[in-house]
C-alpha atoms as a PDB file:
ATOM      1  CA  UNK A   1     -33.886  27.142  -2.658  1.00  0.00           C
ATOM      2  CA  UNK A   2     -33.068  30.653  -1.467  1.00  0.00           C
ATOM      3  CA  UNK A   3     -29.656  31.433  -0.071  1.00  0.00           C
ATOM      4  CA  UNK A   4     -29.279  33.438   3.100  1.00  0.00           C
ATOM      5  CA  UNK A   5     -26.151  35.394   3.915  1.00  0.00           C
ATOM      6  CA  UNK A   6     -24.839  35.277   7.440  1.00  0.00           C
ATOM      7  CA  UNK A   7     -21.783  36.533   9.267  1.00  0.00           C
ATOM      8  CA  UNK A   8     -19.755  34.466  11.708  1.00  0.00           C
ATOM      9  CA  UNK A   9     -16.701  35.178  13.795  1.00  0.00           C
ATOM     10  CA  UNK A  10     -13.754  32.804  13.592  1.00  0.00           C
ATOM     11  CA  UNK A  11     -10.367  32.695  15.186  1.00  0.00           C
ATOM     12  CA  UNK A  12      -7.719  33.586  12.647  1.00  0.00           C
ATOM     13  CA  UNK A  13      -6.036  30.136  12.553  1.00  0.00           C
ATOM     14  CA  UNK A  14      -9.359  28.471  11.745  1.00  0.00           C
ATOM     15  CA  UNK A  15     -10.139  31.047   9.074  1.00  0.00           C
ATOM     16  CA  UNK A  16      -6.735  30.409   7.502  1.00  0.00           C
ATOM     17  CA  UNK A  17      -7.395  26.670   7.470  1.00  0.00           C
ATOM     18  CA  UNK A  18     -10.731  27.226   5.741  1.00  0.00           C
ATOM     19  CA  UNK A  19      -9.070  29.493   3.187  1.00  0.00           C
ATOM     20  CA  UNK A  20      -6.398  26.881   2.463  1.00  0.00           C
ATOM     21  CA  UNK A  21      -8.963  24.099   2.215  1.00  0.00           C
ATOM     22  CA  UNK A  22     -11.136  26.132  -0.147  1.00  0.00           C
ATOM     23  CA  UNK A  23      -8.140  26.758  -2.425  1.00  0.00           C
ATOM     24  CA  UNK A  24      -7.160  23.077  -2.311  1.00  0.00           C
ATOM     25  CA  UNK A  25     -10.714  21.955  -3.100  1.00  0.00           C
ATOM     26  CA  UNK A  26     -11.146  24.721  -5.686  1.00  0.00           C
ATOM     27  CA  UNK A  27     -14.387  25.881  -4.087  1.00  0.00           C
ATOM     28  CA  UNK A  28     -15.496  29.025  -2.295  1.00  0.00           C
ATOM     29  CA  UNK A  29     -15.183  29.509   1.452  1.00  0.00           C
ATOM     30  CA  UNK A  30     -18.959  29.508   1.601  1.00  0.00           C
ATOM     31  CA  UNK A  31     -19.034  26.061   0.003  1.00  0.00           C
ATOM     32  CA  UNK A  32     -16.569  24.740   2.599  1.00  0.00           C
ATOM     33  CA  UNK A  33     -18.844  25.991   5.369  1.00  0.00           C
ATOM     34  CA  UNK A  34     -21.919  24.469   3.728  1.00  0.00           C
ATOM     35  CA  UNK A  35     -20.183  21.096   3.367  1.00  0.00           C
ATOM     36  CA  UNK A  36     -18.981  21.214   6.966  1.00  0.00           C
ATOM     37  CA  UNK A  37     -22.413  22.121   8.320  1.00  0.00           C
ATOM     38  CA  UNK A  38     -24.144  19.445   6.254  1.00  0.00           C
ATOM     39  CA  UNK A  39     -21.707  16.852   7.569  1.00  0.00           C
ATOM     40  CA  UNK A  40     -22.067  18.062  11.163  1.00  0.00           C
ATOM     41  CA  UNK A  41     -25.871  18.013  11.012  1.00  0.00           C
ATOM     42  CA  UNK A  42     -25.915  14.539   9.404  1.00  0.00           C
ATOM     43  CA  UNK A  43     -23.573  13.138  12.088  1.00  0.00           C
ATOM     44  CA  UNK A  44     -25.616  14.769  14.853  1.00  0.00           C
ATOM     45  CA  UNK A  45     -28.875  13.316  13.505  1.00  0.00           C
ATOM     46  CA  UNK A  46     -27.251   9.886  13.147  1.00  0.00           C
ATOM     47  CA  UNK A  47     -26.081  10.052  16.767  1.00  0.00           C
ATOM     48  CA  UNK A  48     -29.577  11.000  17.962  1.00  0.00           C
ATOM     49  CA  UNK A  49     -31.111   8.131  16.013  1.00  0.00           C
ATOM     50  CA  UNK A  50     -28.521   5.695  17.417  1.00  0.00           C
ATOM     51  CA  UNK A  51     -29.329   6.879  20.956  1.00  0.00           C
ATOM     52  CA  UNK A  52     -33.069   6.450  20.326  1.00  0.00           C
ATOM     53  CA  UNK A  53     -32.529   2.920  19.010  1.00  0.00           C
ATOM     54  CA  UNK A  54     -30.382   2.003  22.011  1.00  0.00           C
ATOM     55  CA  UNK A  55     -32.963   3.433  24.407  1.00  0.00           C
ATOM     56  CA  UNK A  56     -35.759   1.471  22.734  1.00  0.00           C
ATOM     57  CA  UNK A  57     -33.826  -1.775  23.091  1.00  0.00           C
ATOM     58  CA  UNK A  58     -32.643  -1.251  26.670  1.00  0.00           C
ATOM     59  CA  UNK A  59     -36.199  -1.461  28.021  1.00  0.00           C
ATOM     60  CA  UNK A  60     -37.247  -4.534  26.063  1.00  0.00           C
ATOM     61  CA  UNK A  61     -36.287  -7.899  27.563  1.00  0.00           C
ATOM     62  CA  UNK A  62     -34.948 -10.449  25.070  1.00  0.00           C
ATOM     63  CA  UNK A  63     -37.549 -12.743  23.564  1.00  0.00           C
ATOM     64  CA  UNK A  64     -37.230 -16.543  23.409  1.00  0.00           C
ATOM     65  CA  UNK A  65     -35.262 -16.491  20.130  1.00  0.00           C
ATOM     66  CA  UNK A  66     -32.843 -13.855  21.443  1.00  0.00           C
ATOM     67  CA  UNK A  67     -32.315 -15.765  24.722  1.00  0.00           C
ATOM     68  CA  UNK A  68     -31.513 -18.943  22.791  1.00  0.00           C
ATOM     69  CA  UNK A  69     -29.047 -17.077  20.570  1.00  0.00           C
ATOM     70  CA  UNK A  70     -27.387 -15.494  23.618  1.00  0.00           C
ATOM     71  CA  UNK A  71     -26.963 -18.950  25.173  1.00  0.00           C
ATOM     72  CA  UNK A  72     -25.332 -20.200  21.967  1.00  0.00           C
ATOM     73  CA  UNK A  73     -22.978 -17.215  21.917  1.00  0.00           C
ATOM     74  CA  UNK A  74     -22.017 -17.769  25.566  1.00  0.00           C
ATOM     75  CA  UNK A  75     -21.290 -21.481  24.955  1.00  0.00           C
ATOM     76  CA  UNK A  76     -19.211 -20.630  21.906  1.00  0.00           C
ATOM     77  CA  UNK A  77     -17.307 -17.957  23.815  1.00  0.00           C
ATOM     78  CA  UNK A  78     -16.601 -20.365  26.713  1.00  0.00           C
ATOM     79  CA  UNK A  79     -15.152 -22.915  24.278  1.00  0.00           C
ATOM     80  CA  UNK A  80     -12.993 -20.227  22.656  1.00  0.00           C
ATOM     81  CA  UNK A  81     -11.473 -18.991  25.927  1.00  0.00           C
ATOM     82  CA  UNK A  82     -11.312 -22.354  27.706  1.00  0.00           C
ATOM     83  CA  UNK A  83      -7.872 -22.916  29.164  1.00  0.00           C
ATOM     84  CA  UNK A  84      -6.699 -19.335  28.545  1.00  0.00           C
ATOM     85  CA  UNK A  85      -7.297 -18.197  32.123  1.00  0.00           C
END
């Protein structure tokens, strides 16, 4: 895979943190940025997928099996909290 050089502007404190981290990890500054971007992109994609899954489930009413399970959970919860209020 081809590498592409790019220039970015950072505030000095952030640059200094990256420098220190690169020294601590014994890698180049470029590697720190690559690792950070890979992590950021992965987390962003995970969040989008989670939102899509939630959206898909919010429109679908529970089926018979899910309704029965919800009733069981409610009964169990009532027994657990009975007398606490």
